[in-house]
Protein backbone atom coordinates (compact mmCIF):
# COMPACT_ATOMS: atom_id res chain seq x y z
CA ASN A 1 1.79 24.55 23.99
CA ALA A 2 3.77 22.84 21.20
CA LEU A 3 3.00 19.23 20.41
CA HIS A 4 5.70 16.64 19.70
CA LEU A 5 5.75 12.97 18.64
CA LEU A 6 9.03 11.08 18.53
CA LEU A 7 9.18 7.59 17.10
CA ARG A 8 11.97 5.10 16.52
CA ILE A 9 12.23 1.76 14.65
CA VAL A 10 15.74 0.38 15.28
CA ASP A 11 17.94 3.26 14.11
CA ASP A 12 15.28 5.21 12.13
CA PHE A 13 13.99 8.28 14.09
CA LEU A 14 11.01 10.35 13.18
CA LEU A 15 10.06 13.63 14.99
CA ILE A 16 6.77 15.31 14.25
CA SER A 17 6.46 18.67 15.96
CA THR A 18 4.40 21.86 15.78
CA ASP A 19 7.50 23.76 16.92
CA LYS A 20 10.12 24.28 14.24
CA ASN A 21 12.77 25.26 16.82
CA ALA A 22 12.27 21.93 18.68
CA SER A 23 12.85 20.15 15.32
CA ILE A 24 16.07 22.14 14.74
CA ARG A 25 17.34 21.31 18.25
CA PHE A 26 16.64 17.65 17.56
CA LEU A 27 18.53 17.92 14.30
CA GLU A 28 21.42 19.51 16.06
CA LYS A 29 21.59 16.69 18.63
CA LEU A 30 21.52 14.07 15.84
CA ASN A 31 24.28 15.78 13.87
CA GLY A 32 26.38 16.01 17.04
CA GLY A 33 26.18 12.33 17.40
CA ILE A 34 28.20 10.56 20.11
CA PRO A 35 31.87 11.03 19.22
CA SER A 36 33.21 8.86 22.02
CA LEU A 37 31.27 5.93 20.51
CA GLY A 38 31.90 6.89 16.92
CA VAL A 39 28.08 7.33 16.43
CA LYS A 40 26.77 9.90 13.89
CA VAL A 41 23.90 10.32 11.55
CA ASN A 42 24.09 9.95 7.81
CA LYS A 43 23.14 13.38 6.29
CA ASP A 44 22.47 11.79 2.97
CA LYS A 45 19.60 9.89 4.67
CA THR A 46 18.33 12.78 6.87
CA ARG A 47 15.16 14.47 5.69
CA VAL A 48 13.24 17.56 6.78
CA ASN A 49 10.17 19.34 5.25
CA TYR A 50 11.40 22.88 5.94
CA SER A 51 14.48 25.04 5.20
CA ALA A 52 17.07 24.07 7.84
CA PRO A 53 19.95 26.34 8.92
CA PHE A 54 22.99 26.12 6.62
CA GLU A 55 25.17 24.19 9.13
CA LEU A 56 22.37 21.63 9.44
CA ALA A 57 21.42 21.62 5.77
CA CYS A 58 20.15 18.19 4.55
CA HIS A 59 20.39 16.91 1.00
CA ASN A 60 16.75 15.75 1.02
CA ARG A 61 13.90 18.21 1.64
CA CYS A 62 10.41 16.74 1.41
CA ARG A 63 7.50 18.94 0.66
CA SER A 64 4.18 17.08 0.14
CA PHE A 65 5.13 13.66 1.44
CA PHE A 66 7.66 12.56 4.06
CA PRO A 67 9.05 8.99 3.59
CA TRP A 68 9.79 6.95 6.73
CA CYS A 69 10.28 3.16 7.06
CA GLY A 70 8.30 2.37 3.89
CA LEU A 71 5.49 4.85 4.67
CA LEU A 72 4.61 8.20 3.16
CA ILE A 73 3.38 10.82 5.62
CA ASN A 74 1.44 13.77 4.25
CA THR A 75 3.22 16.88 5.58
CA ALA A 76 -0.01 18.90 5.71
CA THR A 77 -2.42 16.42 7.17
CA CYS A 78 -0.22 13.57 8.68
CA GLU A 79 -2.23 11.10 6.80
CA ILE A 80 -0.38 7.94 5.86
CA THR A 81 0.02 5.83 2.78
CA LEU A 82 2.42 3.05 1.81
CA ASP A 83 5.43 4.11 -0.25
CA TYR A 84 4.69 1.94 -3.33
CA GLU A 85 7.73 3.27 -5.16
CA ARG A 86 9.38 0.20 -3.49
CA PHE A 87 7.17 -1.98 -5.72
CA HIS A 88 7.64 -0.18 -9.00
CA GLY A 89 8.18 -2.37 -12.05
CA GLN A 90 9.77 -5.76 -11.41
CA LYS A 91 10.18 -4.97 -7.69
CA ALA A 92 6.58 -6.01 -7.10
CA ILE A 93 7.28 -9.70 -8.02
CA ASP A 94 10.87 -10.03 -6.73
CA THR A 95 9.89 -11.80 -3.52
CA ILE A 96 7.27 -14.27 -4.81
CA SER A 97 7.75 -17.94 -4.03
CA VAL A 98 5.91 -20.33 -6.26
CA HIS A 99 4.68 -23.66 -4.81
CA ARG A 100 4.44 -26.43 -7.39
CA LEU A 101 3.51 -29.32 -5.06
CA GLY A 102 -0.05 -30.26 -4.04
CA SER A 103 -3.25 -28.55 -5.32
CA GLU A 104 -2.48 -25.68 -7.65
CA GLY A 105 -5.89 -24.12 -6.83
CA MET A 106 -5.41 -24.24 -3.09
CA ASN A 107 -1.83 -22.93 -3.46
CA ILE A 108 -3.07 -19.90 -5.36
CA ARG A 109 -5.71 -19.11 -2.71
CA LYS A 110 -3.14 -19.44 0.00
CA ALA A 111 -0.59 -17.26 -1.89
CA MET A 112 -3.20 -14.52 -2.50
CA LYS A 113 -3.93 -14.18 1.11
CA GLY A 114 -0.18 -14.14 1.92
CA PHE A 115 0.15 -11.20 -0.50
CA VAL A 116 -2.30 -9.02 1.38
CA ARG A 117 -1.48 -10.03 4.91
CA PRO A 118 1.57 -7.79 5.42
CA ARG A 119 -0.45 -4.73 4.45
CA CYS A 120 -3.45 -5.64 6.65
CA ASN A 121 -1.03 -5.72 9.68
CA GLN A 122 -0.04 -2.10 9.02
CA GLN A 123 -2.92 -0.46 10.97
CA LEU A 124 -1.74 3.07 10.36
CA LEU A 125 -2.88 2.68 6.70
CA PHE A 126 -6.54 2.04 7.62
CA SER A 127 -7.22 3.85 10.86
CA SER A 128 -9.90 6.52 10.60
CA ARG A 129 -8.15 8.37 13.49
CA ILE A 130 -5.28 9.03 11.15
CA ASN A 131 -6.66 9.02 7.61
CA ASN A 132 -9.88 10.33 6.06
CA ILE A 133 -12.13 7.91 4.25
CA ASP A 134 -10.62 8.63 0.82
CA SER A 135 -7.14 7.81 2.08
CA VAL A 136 -8.45 4.58 3.60
CA ARG A 137 -10.11 3.67 0.32
CA LEU A 138 -6.77 4.47 -1.54
CA ASN A 139 -4.80 2.31 0.86
CA PHE A 140 -7.25 -0.59 0.55
CA TYR A 141 -7.34 -0.35 -3.22
CA GLN A 142 -3.53 -0.34 -3.47
CA THR A 143 -3.28 -3.32 -1.12
CA VAL A 144 -5.47 -5.42 -3.39
CA LEU A 145 -3.82 -3.94 -6.54
CA LEU A 146 -0.45 -5.19 -5.36
CA CYS A 147 -2.03 -8.54 -4.61
CA ALA A 148 -3.46 -8.69 -8.14
CA ILE A 149 -0.03 -7.89 -9.75
CA LYS A 150 1.59 -10.58 -7.63
CA THR A 151 -1.27 -13.13 -8.36
CA THR A 152 -1.02 -12.73 -12.16
CA HIS A 153 2.75 -13.24 -11.98
CA TYR A 154 2.07 -16.40 -9.83
CA ILE A 155 -0.39 -18.01 -12.25
CA GLU A 156 1.89 -17.26 -15.21
CA SER A 157 4.82 -18.89 -13.37
CA ILE A 158 2.89 -22.12 -13.04
CA ASP A 159 1.44 -21.77 -16.54
CA ILE A 160 -2.26 -22.01 -15.78
CA ALA A 161 -4.58 -20.58 -18.41
CA PHE A 162 -7.98 -20.69 -16.52
CA SER A 163 -9.60 -21.44 -19.93
CA SER A 164 -12.58 -23.51 -18.80
CA LYS A 165 -15.66 -21.92 -17.06
CA LYS A 166 -15.02 -24.03 -13.93
CA GLN A 167 -11.51 -22.70 -13.66
CA SER A 168 -12.54 -19.14 -14.29
CA THR A 169 -15.25 -19.39 -11.71
CA PHE A 170 -12.79 -20.79 -9.15
CA PHE A 171 -10.41 -17.79 -9.81
CA TYR A 172 -13.33 -15.30 -9.46
CA ASP A 173 -14.37 -16.91 -6.17
CA SER A 174 -10.77 -16.84 -4.95
CA VAL A 175 -10.47 -13.15 -5.64
CA CYS A 176 -13.76 -12.41 -3.81
CA ASP A 177 -12.60 -14.63 -0.99
CA THR A 178 -9.24 -12.73 -0.76
CA ILE A 179 -11.00 -9.32 -0.79
CA GLN A 180 -13.28 -10.47 2.06
CA TYR A 181 -10.26 -11.86 3.99
CA THR A 182 -8.49 -8.52 3.61
CA PHE A 183 -11.59 -6.60 4.83
CA LEU A 184 -12.30 -8.87 7.78
CA LEU A 185 -8.63 -9.00 8.88
CA ILE A 186 -8.37 -5.22 8.94
CA SER A 187 -11.79 -4.92 10.70
CA LEU A 188 -10.72 -7.42 13.33
CA LYS A 189 -7.54 -5.41 14.14
CA LEU A 190 -9.04 -1.96 14.04
CA LYS A 191 -12.73 -2.55 15.00
CA ASN A 192 -14.55 0.79 14.98
CA ASP A 193 -11.45 2.66 13.68
CA PHE A 194 -11.97 1.06 10.30
CA VAL A 195 -14.86 2.84 8.56
CA LEU A 196 -14.64 1.51 4.98
CA CYS A 197 -17.93 -0.25 4.20
CA TRP A 198 -18.00 -3.65 2.69
CA GLU A 199 -19.76 -2.55 -0.49
CA ASP A 200 -16.88 -0.09 -1.29
CA ALA A 201 -14.22 -2.57 -0.37
CA LEU A 202 -15.66 -5.26 -2.69
CA TRP A 203 -15.97 -2.87 -5.63
CA LEU A 204 -12.48 -1.52 -5.11
CA GLY A 205 -10.98 -5.01 -4.77
CA LYS A 206 -12.67 -6.31 -7.94
CA HIS A 207 -11.68 -3.19 -9.85
CA ALA A 208 -8.06 -3.62 -8.79
CA PHE A 209 -7.97 -7.16 -10.23
CA SER A 210 -9.81 -6.01 -13.38
CA SER A 211 -7.21 -3.19 -13.97
CA VAL A 212 -4.27 -5.65 -13.74
CA LEU A 213 -5.92 -8.35 -15.83
CA LYS A 214 -6.83 -5.83 -18.60
CA THR A 215 -3.13 -5.07 -19.06
CA LYS A 216 -2.63 -8.77 -19.90
CA ALA A 217 -5.88 -9.11 -21.78
CA GLN A 218 -4.49 -11.46 -24.53
CA ARG A 219 -3.53 -14.04 -21.97
CA HIS A 220 -6.26 -13.46 -19.31
CA GLU A 221 -9.05 -12.07 -21.41
CA CYS A 222 -11.65 -14.46 -19.98
CA LEU A 223 -10.59 -13.56 -16.42
CA ALA A 224 -10.75 -9.83 -17.08
CA ASP A 225 -14.35 -10.27 -18.41
CA LEU A 226 -15.39 -11.75 -15.04
CA PHE A 227 -14.89 -8.29 -13.45
CA SER A 228 -16.70 -6.28 -16.04
CA GLU A 229 -19.36 -5.56 -13.47
CA THR A 230 -17.06 -2.89 -11.98
CA ARG A 231 -17.51 -0.87 -15.15
CA ASP A 232 -21.23 -1.34 -15.51
CA VAL A 233 -22.53 -0.98 -11.97
CA GLN A 234 -24.65 2.16 -11.23
CA TYR A 235 -23.06 3.26 -7.95
CA LEU A 236 -23.78 6.37 -5.90
CA LYS A 237 -20.07 6.67 -4.85
CA ARG A 238 -18.60 5.38 -8.11
CA ALA A 239 -17.21 8.74 -9.29
CA ILE A 240 -15.28 9.08 -5.99
CA LEU A 241 -14.02 5.48 -6.12
CA VAL A 242 -12.92 5.74 -9.82
CA SER A 243 -10.89 8.88 -9.00
CA ILE A 244 -9.16 6.95 -6.27
CA THR A 245 -8.31 4.04 -8.59
CA LYS A 246 -6.83 6.45 -11.09
CA ARG A 247 -4.48 7.90 -8.37
CA ALA A 248 -3.49 4.40 -7.26
CA LYS A 249 -2.69 2.98 -10.75
CA VAL A 250 -0.23 5.74 -11.49
CA LYS A 251 2.12 4.26 -8.72
CA PHE A 252 2.09 0.91 -10.58
CA ASN A 253 2.35 2.28 -14.13
CA LEU A 254 -1.11 0.79 -14.91
CA THR A 255 -2.65 3.98 -16.50
């Protein structure tokens, strides 16, 4: 009556099983490789979340979270989040392309949507069949948080101050438009499997930008003030949402 799930992306295998013996047999097969073809697994990259027999011992034992292809799988619940360690520090802005031709405002709006699109396509992060509502909220918040980090780097690279009221309003509207784009794109892909409500999504998205802009308050003080509503709103679920934002910001060293 054991349940098994075997996945593969190119040469990265993942086995999830309720039967430890089945997992050990799978590990034995992998370690045996295919000698005639010179194929074998790299033990340094092999991970398990239990104590394997000595002859199959892996250097990396995962306990709470199991990393696979940029994802983190909760070993107790099988819920999924993105492995944001890959974006720690400067890594978050390493792949940003800055466009200097044409309308700067339209380029920023286009870039912001480009920052969130890859995460929106990872449906495992937002499916209610896999994650509970708090995990979905966390994943949505971190998606917009990463977008906010990339966006502030983008506008600093093209040296826009957003000092006038018209410029600030344009930036605020662009953020809200990007949050709505993120929400609608995920909703379109998952339909009824995406249970995050728009009210929560908008608050989380605005709070994500507020958190990043506050770390650069001297340069973007006027922009950070635009999102002060996230601190003042009387919100039934606010305590839950704030606890989620605190968990998320640790990953990006924004606490």
